[in-house]
Amino acid sequence: MQQRYNARTLWAIPRHTNFWDHDMNEHFDDGRFYNSFRKTRGTSNLLCEHLRPHISKENTNMRKAISVEKRVAVTLFRLAKNADLATCSNLFGFGVSTVCIIYIQVCRAICKGLIPIDVTAPSAEDTEVIINGFEQKWGFPPMWGCYRWKSYSNFGPKVIPH
């Protein structure tokens, strides 16, 4: 009895990457970039440089690696627009599972690589100043909290209505 073996083939669903390759890099001005990612191009580039050691991949014989810039863009878009995986998949030209993996990897890299650098607890003297200032300004009993991103913060309104 002879068995027939089918030759194995490699395949992938053809996907377009027009949103990133064409729209974002050629036609989006800084305002449209900010509206899509809630970060400026400069902040996005700075974020890419900080995350590069944590999320960069190498090309293989089977496929080219996804660039750090594209990985960060997928994550920022998903966070900025609260977009589901399928939407990001269609816009960036990846599979849904690939978008999910990229998103998790970049978020973990941010937690591992940036939070220890950019989020710091205040000293004892600064804590006392924060507690007293908070009580004087808002009338709450002694309490404190802080959340600060040095280079990546989104600032709210300058005047707080009473």
N, C-alpha and C. Protein backbone atom coordinates (compact mmCIF):
# COMPACT_ATOMS: atom_id res chain seq x y z
N MET A 1 0.82 -1.18 0.00
CA MET A 1 0.00 0.00 0.00
C MET A 1 0.86 1.25 0.00
N GLN A 2 0.62 2.10 -0.92
CA GLN A 2 1.37 3.35 -1.00
C GLN A 2 0.52 4.49 -0.46
N GLN A 3 1.16 5.35 0.30
CA GLN A 3 0.46 6.53 0.79
C GLN A 3 0.89 7.72 -0.05
N ARG A 4 -0.06 8.57 -0.30
CA ARG A 4 0.25 9.81 -1.02
C ARG A 4 0.46 10.92 -0.01
N TYR A 5 1.52 11.63 -0.19
CA TYR A 5 1.80 12.76 0.68
C TYR A 5 1.62 14.04 -0.12
N ASN A 6 0.90 14.95 0.46
CA ASN A 6 0.75 16.26 -0.17
C ASN A 6 1.93 17.14 0.23
N ALA A 7 2.41 17.86 -0.71
CA ALA A 7 3.50 18.78 -0.41
C ALA A 7 2.99 19.87 0.51
N ARG A 8 3.77 20.19 1.51
CA ARG A 8 3.37 21.25 2.44
C ARG A 8 3.60 22.60 1.80
N THR A 9 2.72 23.49 2.07
CA THR A 9 2.87 24.84 1.55
C THR A 9 2.78 25.83 2.70
N LEU A 10 3.39 26.94 2.53
CA LEU A 10 3.28 28.03 3.49
C LEU A 10 2.29 29.04 2.94
N TRP A 11 1.47 29.55 3.81
CA TRP A 11 0.50 30.52 3.35
C TRP A 11 0.19 31.49 4.47
N ALA A 12 -0.31 32.60 4.08
CA ALA A 12 -0.79 33.60 5.02
C ALA A 12 -1.90 34.37 4.31
N ILE A 13 -2.85 34.81 5.07
CA ILE A 13 -3.93 35.60 4.50
C ILE A 13 -3.34 36.93 4.03
N PRO A 14 -3.56 37.28 2.77
CA PRO A 14 -3.02 38.57 2.31
C PRO A 14 -3.74 39.72 3.01
N ARG A 15 -2.98 40.64 3.53
CA ARG A 15 -3.56 41.78 4.25
C ARG A 15 -2.92 43.06 3.73
N HIS A 16 -3.68 44.13 3.81
CA HIS A 16 -3.13 45.41 3.39
C HIS A 16 -2.67 46.19 4.61
N THR A 17 -1.68 47.01 4.41
CA THR A 17 -1.16 47.85 5.49
C THR A 17 -1.24 49.32 5.09
N ASN A 18 -2.26 49.67 4.34
CA ASN A 18 -2.37 51.04 3.84
C ASN A 18 -2.47 52.07 4.95
N PHE A 19 -3.16 51.74 6.04
CA PHE A 19 -3.33 52.72 7.12
C PHE A 19 -1.97 53.17 7.65
N TRP A 20 -1.08 52.22 7.91
CA TRP A 20 0.23 52.59 8.45
C TRP A 20 1.18 53.08 7.37
N ASP A 21 1.34 52.30 6.32
CA ASP A 21 2.34 52.62 5.30
C ASP A 21 2.00 53.87 4.50
N HIS A 22 0.75 54.02 4.15
CA HIS A 22 0.36 55.11 3.26
C HIS A 22 -0.21 56.29 4.03
N ASP A 23 -1.26 56.05 4.79
CA ASP A 23 -1.96 57.15 5.45
C ASP A 23 -1.12 57.81 6.55
N MET A 24 -0.62 57.00 7.49
CA MET A 24 0.07 57.57 8.64
C MET A 24 1.41 58.20 8.27
N ASN A 25 2.14 57.57 7.42
CA ASN A 25 3.49 58.06 7.13
C ASN A 25 3.54 59.12 6.03
N GLU A 26 2.52 59.17 5.17
CA GLU A 26 2.58 60.12 4.07
C GLU A 26 1.54 61.23 4.14
N HIS A 27 0.35 60.93 4.65
CA HIS A 27 -0.73 61.90 4.53
C HIS A 27 -1.22 62.48 5.85
N PHE A 28 -0.87 61.88 6.97
CA PHE A 28 -1.34 62.40 8.25
C PHE A 28 -0.42 63.51 8.73
N ASP A 29 -0.99 64.67 8.99
CA ASP A 29 -0.21 65.73 9.61
C ASP A 29 -0.14 65.45 11.11
N ASP A 30 0.53 66.32 11.84
CA ASP A 30 0.71 66.09 13.27
C ASP A 30 -0.60 66.10 14.03
N GLY A 31 -1.55 66.91 13.61
CA GLY A 31 -2.85 66.96 14.27
C GLY A 31 -3.63 65.65 14.12
N ARG A 32 -3.64 65.11 12.92
CA ARG A 32 -4.33 63.84 12.70
C ARG A 32 -3.61 62.69 13.39
N PHE A 33 -2.29 62.76 13.45
CA PHE A 33 -1.54 61.74 14.18
C PHE A 33 -1.93 61.77 15.65
N TYR A 34 -1.99 62.98 16.22
CA TYR A 34 -2.36 63.11 17.63
C TYR A 34 -3.77 62.61 17.87
N ASN A 35 -4.69 62.91 16.97
CA ASN A 35 -6.07 62.45 17.13
C ASN A 35 -6.18 60.94 17.06
N SER A 36 -5.32 60.29 16.31
CA SER A 36 -5.37 58.84 16.19
C SER A 36 -4.70 58.12 17.35
N PHE A 37 -3.62 58.69 17.88
CA PHE A 37 -2.83 57.99 18.89
C PHE A 37 -2.79 58.67 20.24
N ARG A 38 -3.32 59.88 20.35
CA ARG A 38 -3.30 60.66 21.58
C ARG A 38 -1.89 60.94 22.08
N LYS A 39 -0.95 60.91 21.18
CA LYS A 39 0.44 61.27 21.44
C LYS A 39 0.97 62.01 20.23
N THR A 40 1.93 62.88 20.44
CA THR A 40 2.57 63.53 19.31
C THR A 40 3.56 62.55 18.68
N ARG A 41 4.01 62.87 17.47
CA ARG A 41 5.01 62.02 16.82
C ARG A 41 6.29 61.97 17.65
N GLY A 42 6.67 63.10 18.22
CA GLY A 42 7.88 63.13 19.03
C GLY A 42 7.78 62.25 20.26
N THR A 43 6.65 62.30 20.94
CA THR A 43 6.45 61.45 22.11
C THR A 43 6.41 59.98 21.71
N SER A 44 5.78 59.69 20.58
CA SER A 44 5.72 58.32 20.09
C SER A 44 7.13 57.81 19.76
N ASN A 45 7.93 58.65 19.12
CA ASN A 45 9.31 58.26 18.80
C ASN A 45 10.15 58.05 20.06
N LEU A 46 9.96 58.91 21.05
CA LEU A 46 10.66 58.76 22.32
C LEU A 46 10.26 57.46 23.01
N LEU A 47 8.99 57.15 22.98
CA LEU A 47 8.49 55.91 23.56
C LEU A 47 9.09 54.70 22.84
N CYS A 48 9.18 54.79 21.51
CA CYS A 48 9.79 53.69 20.74
C CYS A 48 11.24 53.48 21.13
N GLU A 49 11.98 54.56 21.31
CA GLU A 49 13.39 54.42 21.67
C GLU A 49 13.57 53.80 23.05
N HIS A 50 12.69 54.17 23.99
CA HIS A 50 12.77 53.60 25.33
C HIS A 50 12.38 52.12 25.34
N LEU A 51 11.44 51.74 24.48
CA LEU A 51 10.95 50.36 24.47
C LEU A 51 11.72 49.44 23.53
N ARG A 52 12.53 50.00 22.64
CA ARG A 52 13.24 49.20 21.64
C ARG A 52 14.00 48.00 22.24
N PRO A 53 14.75 48.15 23.33
CA PRO A 53 15.46 46.98 23.87
C PRO A 53 14.52 45.88 24.36
N HIS A 54 13.30 46.24 24.69
CA HIS A 54 12.37 45.28 25.28
C HIS A 54 11.49 44.58 24.25
N ILE A 55 11.21 45.24 23.12
CA ILE A 55 10.21 44.66 22.20
C ILE A 55 10.71 44.45 20.78
N SER A 56 11.96 44.77 20.49
CA SER A 56 12.43 44.58 19.11
C SER A 56 12.62 43.09 18.83
N LYS A 57 12.34 42.70 17.61
CA LYS A 57 12.48 41.31 17.16
C LYS A 57 13.41 41.29 15.96
N GLU A 58 13.92 40.11 15.63
CA GLU A 58 14.81 39.96 14.49
C GLU A 58 14.08 39.30 13.33
N ASN A 59 14.51 39.61 12.11
CA ASN A 59 13.96 38.95 10.93
C ASN A 59 14.36 37.48 10.94
N THR A 60 13.48 36.65 10.37
CA THR A 60 13.78 35.23 10.23
C THR A 60 13.70 34.87 8.75
N ASN A 61 14.01 33.62 8.43
CA ASN A 61 13.89 33.16 7.05
C ASN A 61 12.43 33.11 6.60
N MET A 62 11.52 33.00 7.54
CA MET A 62 10.10 32.87 7.20
C MET A 62 9.41 34.21 6.99
N ARG A 63 9.80 35.23 7.77
CA ARG A 63 9.12 36.52 7.65
C ARG A 63 9.95 37.64 8.24
N LYS A 64 9.60 38.84 7.84
CA LYS A 64 10.26 40.02 8.38
C LYS A 64 9.62 40.36 9.73
N ALA A 65 10.44 40.84 10.62
CA ALA A 65 9.95 41.22 11.94
C ALA A 65 9.11 42.49 11.84
N ILE A 66 8.16 42.62 12.75
CA ILE A 66 7.34 43.82 12.84
C ILE A 66 8.15 44.88 13.56
N SER A 67 8.22 46.07 13.00
CA SER A 67 9.06 47.13 13.56
C SER A 67 8.55 47.58 14.93
N VAL A 68 9.44 48.13 15.71
CA VAL A 68 9.09 48.66 17.02
C VAL A 68 8.06 49.78 16.86
N GLU A 69 8.25 50.62 15.85
CA GLU A 69 7.32 51.73 15.62
C GLU A 69 5.90 51.22 15.38
N LYS A 70 5.79 50.17 14.60
CA LYS A 70 4.47 49.61 14.31
C LYS A 70 3.88 48.94 15.54
N ARG A 71 4.70 48.29 16.34
CA ARG A 71 4.24 47.65 17.56
C ARG A 71 3.70 48.69 18.53
N VAL A 72 4.44 49.77 18.70
CA VAL A 72 4.00 50.84 19.61
C VAL A 72 2.74 51.50 19.06
N ALA A 73 2.68 51.70 17.74
CA ALA A 73 1.50 52.33 17.13
C ALA A 73 0.24 51.48 17.34
N VAL A 74 0.35 50.18 17.19
CA VAL A 74 -0.80 49.30 17.42
C VAL A 74 -1.30 49.46 18.85
N THR A 75 -0.38 49.45 19.79
CA THR A 75 -0.75 49.56 21.21
C THR A 75 -1.34 50.93 21.52
N LEU A 76 -0.69 51.99 21.04
CA LEU A 76 -1.21 53.33 21.31
C LEU A 76 -2.59 53.53 20.69
N PHE A 77 -2.79 53.02 19.47
CA PHE A 77 -4.09 53.15 18.82
C PHE A 77 -5.16 52.41 19.62
N ARG A 78 -4.84 51.21 20.06
CA ARG A 78 -5.82 50.42 20.83
C ARG A 78 -6.16 51.12 22.14
N LEU A 79 -5.16 51.68 22.81
CA LEU A 79 -5.40 52.38 24.07
C LEU A 79 -6.14 53.70 23.84
N ALA A 80 -5.77 54.44 22.80
CA ALA A 80 -6.35 55.76 22.56
C ALA A 80 -7.80 55.67 22.12
N LYS A 81 -8.11 54.71 21.28
CA LYS A 81 -9.45 54.61 20.70
C LYS A 81 -10.32 53.54 21.34
N ASN A 82 -9.77 52.82 22.30
CA ASN A 82 -10.48 51.70 22.90
C ASN A 82 -10.96 50.75 21.81
N ALA A 83 -10.10 50.54 20.83
CA ALA A 83 -10.44 49.74 19.66
C ALA A 83 -10.31 48.26 19.99
N ASP A 84 -11.18 47.46 19.39
CA ASP A 84 -11.07 46.02 19.59
C ASP A 84 -9.96 45.45 18.71
N LEU A 85 -9.65 44.20 18.95
CA LEU A 85 -8.55 43.56 18.24
C LEU A 85 -8.80 43.49 16.74
N ALA A 86 -10.04 43.23 16.35
CA ALA A 86 -10.36 43.11 14.92
C ALA A 86 -10.15 44.43 14.19
N THR A 87 -10.50 45.53 14.82
CA THR A 87 -10.31 46.84 14.19
C THR A 87 -8.82 47.12 13.98
N CYS A 88 -8.02 46.89 15.01
CA CYS A 88 -6.57 47.08 14.88
C CYS A 88 -6.00 46.13 13.84
N SER A 89 -6.52 44.91 13.80
CA SER A 89 -6.05 43.93 12.82
C SER A 89 -6.28 44.43 11.41
N ASN A 90 -7.46 44.95 11.15
CA ASN A 90 -7.78 45.44 9.81
C ASN A 90 -6.98 46.69 9.44
N LEU A 91 -6.78 47.58 10.39
CA LEU A 91 -6.07 48.83 10.09
C LEU A 91 -4.57 48.61 9.85
N PHE A 92 -3.96 47.76 10.65
CA PHE A 92 -2.51 47.61 10.59
C PHE A 92 -2.07 46.42 9.75
N GLY A 93 -3.00 45.58 9.31
CA GLY A 93 -2.67 44.48 8.43
C GLY A 93 -2.07 43.27 9.12
N PHE A 94 -2.46 43.02 10.36
CA PHE A 94 -2.01 41.85 11.11
C PHE A 94 -3.21 40.97 11.40
N GLY A 95 -2.93 39.75 11.83
CA GLY A 95 -3.98 38.89 12.32
C GLY A 95 -4.42 39.33 13.71
N VAL A 96 -5.61 38.93 14.09
CA VAL A 96 -6.14 39.30 15.40
C VAL A 96 -5.23 38.79 16.52
N SER A 97 -4.76 37.56 16.39
CA SER A 97 -3.89 37.01 17.44
C SER A 97 -2.57 37.76 17.51
N THR A 98 -2.06 38.20 16.36
CA THR A 98 -0.81 38.96 16.35
C THR A 98 -0.99 40.30 17.06
N VAL A 99 -2.11 40.97 16.80
CA VAL A 99 -2.40 42.24 17.48
C VAL A 99 -2.48 42.02 18.99
N CYS A 100 -3.12 40.95 19.40
CA CYS A 100 -3.25 40.65 20.83
C CYS A 100 -1.87 40.44 21.46
N ILE A 101 -1.02 39.68 20.79
CA ILE A 101 0.33 39.41 21.32
C ILE A 101 1.14 40.70 21.39
N ILE A 102 1.08 41.51 20.33
CA ILE A 102 1.81 42.78 20.32
C ILE A 102 1.35 43.68 21.46
N TYR A 103 0.05 43.78 21.63
CA TYR A 103 -0.53 44.64 22.67
C TYR A 103 -0.04 44.22 24.05
N ILE A 104 -0.08 42.94 24.33
CA ILE A 104 0.35 42.43 25.64
C ILE A 104 1.85 42.65 25.82
N GLN A 105 2.65 42.38 24.79
CA GLN A 105 4.10 42.55 24.91
C GLN A 105 4.48 44.00 25.16
N VAL A 106 3.86 44.92 24.44
CA VAL A 106 4.20 46.34 24.61
C VAL A 106 3.75 46.84 25.98
N CYS A 107 2.57 46.44 26.42
CA CYS A 107 2.11 46.86 27.75
C CYS A 107 3.03 46.32 28.85
N ARG A 108 3.45 45.08 28.71
CA ARG A 108 4.39 44.50 29.69
C ARG A 108 5.72 45.23 29.65
N ALA A 109 6.18 45.59 28.46
CA ALA A 109 7.45 46.31 28.34
C ALA A 109 7.35 47.69 28.98
N ILE A 110 6.20 48.33 28.84
CA ILE A 110 6.00 49.63 29.49
C ILE A 110 6.08 49.46 31.00
N CYS A 111 5.40 48.46 31.52
CA CYS A 111 5.43 48.22 32.98
C CYS A 111 6.82 47.86 33.46
N LYS A 112 7.52 47.05 32.70
CA LYS A 112 8.84 46.59 33.11
C LYS A 112 9.93 47.64 32.89
N GLY A 113 9.85 48.35 31.77
CA GLY A 113 10.94 49.23 31.40
C GLY A 113 10.76 50.70 31.74
N LEU A 114 9.52 51.17 31.79
CA LEU A 114 9.32 52.61 31.98
C LEU A 114 8.83 52.99 33.37
N ILE A 115 8.00 52.19 33.96
CA ILE A 115 7.45 52.56 35.27
C ILE A 115 8.55 52.72 36.31
N PRO A 116 9.54 51.81 36.39
CA PRO A 116 10.60 52.04 37.38
C PRO A 116 11.39 53.34 37.14
N ILE A 117 11.45 53.79 35.91
CA ILE A 117 12.18 55.01 35.59
C ILE A 117 11.33 56.25 35.84
N ASP A 118 10.07 56.21 35.42
CA ASP A 118 9.25 57.41 35.38
C ASP A 118 8.29 57.61 36.54
N VAL A 119 7.99 56.58 37.28
CA VAL A 119 7.06 56.72 38.40
C VAL A 119 7.86 56.56 39.68
N THR A 120 7.92 57.61 40.46
CA THR A 120 8.70 57.59 41.69
C THR A 120 7.84 58.03 42.86
N ALA A 121 8.12 57.50 44.00
CA ALA A 121 7.43 57.92 45.21
C ALA A 121 8.13 59.17 45.75
N PRO A 122 7.36 60.11 46.27
CA PRO A 122 7.98 61.32 46.82
C PRO A 122 8.70 61.03 48.13
N SER A 123 9.60 61.91 48.47
CA SER A 123 10.32 61.78 49.74
C SER A 123 9.36 62.08 50.89
N ALA A 124 9.81 61.85 52.13
CA ALA A 124 8.95 62.08 53.31
C ALA A 124 8.55 63.55 53.40
N GLU A 125 9.49 64.46 53.11
CA GLU A 125 9.18 65.89 53.17
C GLU A 125 8.16 66.28 52.09
N ASP A 126 8.37 65.75 50.89
CA ASP A 126 7.42 66.04 49.80
C ASP A 126 6.04 65.47 50.10
N THR A 127 6.00 64.31 50.74
CA THR A 127 4.72 63.70 51.10
C THR A 127 3.97 64.60 52.06
N GLU A 128 4.65 65.15 53.03
CA GLU A 128 4.02 66.05 53.99
C GLU A 128 3.47 67.29 53.30
N VAL A 129 4.23 67.85 52.36
CA VAL A 129 3.78 69.02 51.61
C VAL A 129 2.54 68.67 50.77
N ILE A 130 2.53 67.50 50.14
CA ILE A 130 1.39 67.07 49.33
C ILE A 130 0.15 66.92 50.20
N ILE A 131 0.30 66.27 51.34
CA ILE A 131 -0.84 66.05 52.24
C ILE A 131 -1.42 67.37 52.71
N ASN A 132 -0.56 68.28 53.17
CA ASN A 132 -1.04 69.58 53.67
C ASN A 132 -1.66 70.41 52.55
N GLY A 133 -1.04 70.41 51.38
CA GLY A 133 -1.57 71.17 50.26
C GLY A 133 -2.92 70.62 49.80
N PHE A 134 -3.07 69.33 49.81
CA PHE A 134 -4.33 68.71 49.41
C PHE A 134 -5.43 69.07 50.40
N GLU A 135 -5.11 69.05 51.67
CA GLU A 135 -6.12 69.39 52.68
C GLU A 135 -6.51 70.87 52.59
N GLN A 136 -5.53 71.75 52.37
CA GLN A 136 -5.82 73.18 52.27
C GLN A 136 -6.65 73.49 51.02
N LYS A 137 -6.30 72.87 49.91
CA LYS A 137 -6.98 73.19 48.65
C LYS A 137 -8.37 72.57 48.56
N TRP A 138 -8.50 71.31 48.99
CA TRP A 138 -9.75 70.60 48.77
C TRP A 138 -10.54 70.32 50.04
N GLY A 139 -9.95 70.52 51.21
CA GLY A 139 -10.67 70.32 52.46
C GLY A 139 -10.81 68.86 52.87
N PHE A 140 -10.06 67.98 52.25
CA PHE A 140 -10.09 66.57 52.65
C PHE A 140 -9.10 66.34 53.78
N PRO A 141 -9.39 65.37 54.63
CA PRO A 141 -8.42 65.06 55.69
C PRO A 141 -7.12 64.53 55.09
N PRO A 142 -6.10 64.41 55.91
CA PRO A 142 -4.79 64.01 55.39
C PRO A 142 -4.84 62.72 54.57
N MET A 143 -4.52 62.88 53.31
CA MET A 143 -4.39 61.76 52.38
C MET A 143 -3.51 62.22 51.24
N TRP A 144 -2.98 61.29 50.50
CA TRP A 144 -2.16 61.68 49.36
C TRP A 144 -2.13 60.57 48.34
N GLY A 145 -1.77 60.95 47.15
CA GLY A 145 -1.61 60.01 46.06
C GLY A 145 -0.91 60.71 44.92
N CYS A 146 -0.23 59.99 44.11
CA CYS A 146 0.43 60.63 42.99
C CYS A 146 0.47 59.67 41.81
N TYR A 147 0.47 60.26 40.66
CA TYR A 147 0.62 59.52 39.42
C TYR A 147 1.30 60.45 38.46
N ARG A 148 2.51 60.12 38.04
CA ARG A 148 3.23 61.05 37.19
C ARG A 148 4.04 60.30 36.16
N TRP A 149 3.87 60.70 34.91
CA TRP A 149 4.70 60.21 33.81
C TRP A 149 5.51 61.40 33.34
N LYS A 150 6.81 61.31 33.44
CA LYS A 150 7.65 62.46 33.11
C LYS A 150 7.44 62.96 31.70
N SER A 151 7.59 62.10 30.72
CA SER A 151 7.59 62.55 29.34
C SER A 151 6.32 62.19 28.59
N TYR A 152 5.45 61.43 29.20
CA TYR A 152 4.34 60.88 28.45
C TYR A 152 2.98 61.33 28.97
N SER A 153 2.95 62.36 29.77
CA SER A 153 1.69 62.72 30.41
C SER A 153 0.77 63.47 29.45
N ASN A 154 -0.52 63.31 29.69
CA ASN A 154 -1.55 64.08 29.01
C ASN A 154 -2.09 65.06 30.04
N PHE A 155 -2.01 66.33 29.74
CA PHE A 155 -2.38 67.31 30.73
C PHE A 155 -3.86 67.68 30.58
N GLY A 156 -4.50 67.88 31.71
CA GLY A 156 -5.89 68.30 31.74
C GLY A 156 -5.98 69.81 31.66
N PRO A 157 -7.16 70.34 31.94
CA PRO A 157 -7.34 71.79 31.86
C PRO A 157 -6.49 72.51 32.91
N LYS A 158 -6.07 73.72 32.58
CA LYS A 158 -5.24 74.51 33.48
C LYS A 158 -6.06 75.07 34.65
N VAL A 159 -7.33 75.37 34.42
CA VAL A 159 -8.18 75.92 35.45
C VAL A 159 -9.21 74.87 35.81
N ILE A 160 -9.32 74.60 37.09
CA ILE A 160 -10.30 73.62 37.57
C ILE A 160 -11.51 74.40 38.07
N PRO A 161 -12.70 74.16 37.46
CA PRO A 161 -13.89 74.89 37.91
C PRO A 161 -14.31 74.45 39.31
N HIS A 162 -14.81 75.42 40.08
CA HIS A 162 -15.26 75.10 41.45
C HIS A 162 -16.75 74.93 41.48
